[in-house]
Protein backbone atom coordinates (compact mmCIF):
# COMPACT_ATOMS: atom_id res chain seq x y z
CA MET A 1 -55.97 3.55 12.06
CA THR A 2 -56.54 -0.17 11.26
CA ASP A 3 -57.77 -2.67 13.80
CA LEU A 4 -54.39 -4.40 13.74
CA GLU A 5 -52.56 -1.19 14.52
CA ARG A 6 -54.96 -0.57 17.26
CA ILE A 7 -54.39 -3.90 18.77
CA ALA A 8 -50.67 -3.74 18.21
CA ARG A 9 -50.59 -0.37 20.04
CA ALA A 10 -52.59 -1.88 22.86
CA ILE A 11 -50.09 -4.83 23.15
CA CYS A 12 -47.08 -2.45 23.01
CA THR A 13 -48.57 -0.28 25.74
CA ALA A 14 -49.55 -3.25 28.02
CA GLN A 15 -45.95 -4.36 27.85
CA GLY A 16 -44.82 -0.94 29.09
CA TYR A 17 -43.65 0.74 25.87
CA ASP A 18 -44.72 3.99 24.22
CA PRO A 19 -46.24 2.89 20.94
CA ASN A 20 -45.28 6.07 19.36
CA MET A 21 -41.54 5.92 20.42
CA VAL A 22 -39.52 5.89 17.06
CA LEU A 23 -36.61 3.35 16.84
CA ALA A 24 -33.96 3.42 14.21
CA ILE A 25 -33.30 -0.05 12.82
CA ASN A 26 -30.05 -0.81 11.00
CA GLU A 27 -30.78 -3.19 8.31
CA THR A 28 -28.29 -5.34 6.56
CA GLU A 29 -28.06 -6.45 2.93
CA PRO A 30 -29.13 -10.07 2.46
CA GLY A 31 -26.27 -12.35 2.15
CA GLN A 32 -23.90 -9.80 3.76
CA PRO A 33 -22.27 -10.16 7.15
CA PHE A 34 -24.07 -8.73 10.20
CA GLY A 35 -23.58 -5.06 10.54
CA ALA A 36 -23.12 -4.22 6.99
CA PRO A 37 -25.47 -1.31 6.85
CA VAL A 38 -27.91 -0.63 3.91
CA GLY A 39 -29.65 2.12 5.68
CA ASP A 40 -31.47 3.10 8.83
CA ILE A 41 -35.23 2.75 8.89
CA ALA A 42 -37.22 4.57 11.51
CA ARG A 43 -40.54 3.07 12.61
CA PRO A 44 -42.83 3.61 15.66
CA MET A 45 -42.43 0.96 18.40
CA TRP A 46 -45.97 -0.44 17.72
CA LYS A 47 -44.76 -1.52 14.27
CA GLN A 48 -42.05 -3.64 15.52
CA PRO A 49 -42.64 -7.25 14.11
CA ARG A 50 -43.17 -8.73 17.63
CA PHE A 51 -46.06 -6.45 18.30
CA VAL A 52 -47.67 -6.68 14.83
CA LYS A 53 -47.24 -10.59 15.04
CA ALA A 54 -48.84 -10.62 18.59
CA ALA A 55 -51.83 -8.46 17.29
CA ARG A 56 -52.41 -10.84 14.41
CA ALA A 57 -52.19 -13.86 16.74
CA ALA A 58 -54.65 -12.32 19.16
CA VAL A 59 -57.17 -11.74 16.31
CA GLU A 60 -56.58 -15.26 14.96
CA ALA A 61 -57.28 -16.69 18.33
CA MET A 62 -60.74 -14.98 18.19
CA ARG A 63 -61.69 -16.24 14.84
CA GLU A 64 -63.97 -19.12 15.92
CA PRO A 65 -66.58 -17.59 18.27
CA SER A 66 -67.39 -19.44 21.52
CA GLU A 67 -70.85 -20.67 22.14
CA ARG A 68 -71.16 -17.83 24.82
CA MET A 69 -70.15 -15.29 22.25
CA ILE A 70 -72.78 -16.70 19.71
CA GLU A 71 -75.53 -16.73 22.34
CA ALA A 72 -74.64 -13.06 23.34
CA GLY A 73 -74.86 -12.00 19.78
CA VAL A 74 -78.29 -13.50 18.98
CA ARG A 75 -81.17 -11.39 20.04
CA PRO A 76 -84.47 -13.04 21.00
CA GLN A 77 -86.02 -11.87 17.75
CA ASP A 78 -83.15 -13.58 15.94
CA ALA A 79 -83.61 -16.81 17.73
CA PHE A 80 -82.88 -18.94 14.70
CA ALA A 81 -79.94 -16.75 13.48
CA ASP A 82 -76.39 -18.11 13.15
CA ILE A 83 -73.93 -15.31 13.51
CA ARG A 84 -70.80 -17.55 12.95
CA TRP A 85 -70.44 -16.44 9.31
CA GLN A 86 -70.88 -12.77 10.27
CA TRP A 87 -68.16 -13.15 12.98
CA LYS A 88 -65.72 -14.91 10.76
CA ASP A 89 -66.16 -12.29 8.05
CA MET A 90 -65.41 -9.60 10.55
CA ILE A 91 -62.30 -11.41 11.82
CA ASP A 92 -61.11 -12.05 8.24
CA THR A 93 -61.57 -8.32 7.48
CA VAL A 94 -59.08 -7.49 10.26
CA LEU A 95 -56.69 -10.18 9.36
CA ASN A 96 -56.67 -8.93 5.79
CA GLU A 97 -55.59 -5.20 6.86
CA LYS A 98 -52.11 -4.23 5.97
CA THR A 99 -50.13 -2.44 8.80
């Protein structure tokens, strides 16, 4: 399970949905009138675009660590360490995941 999936599942659950519930989506061919079916795609609720987008937005909002986060992340023996680059690398890793 990717971090984005874990976050999307948590958002889905927080909004009162079962993240494992499978929905059938009737897709239409681009350029065709609405309701011209191409096929049904079943996907779990957490994979609905609104939950994946919300998960990505939540991670992006955490990309810049606050001063409190930086202070909490630096141990006394690392008094001169700057963990900003480590934090950004961790966030970027999550943002580059495919769902």
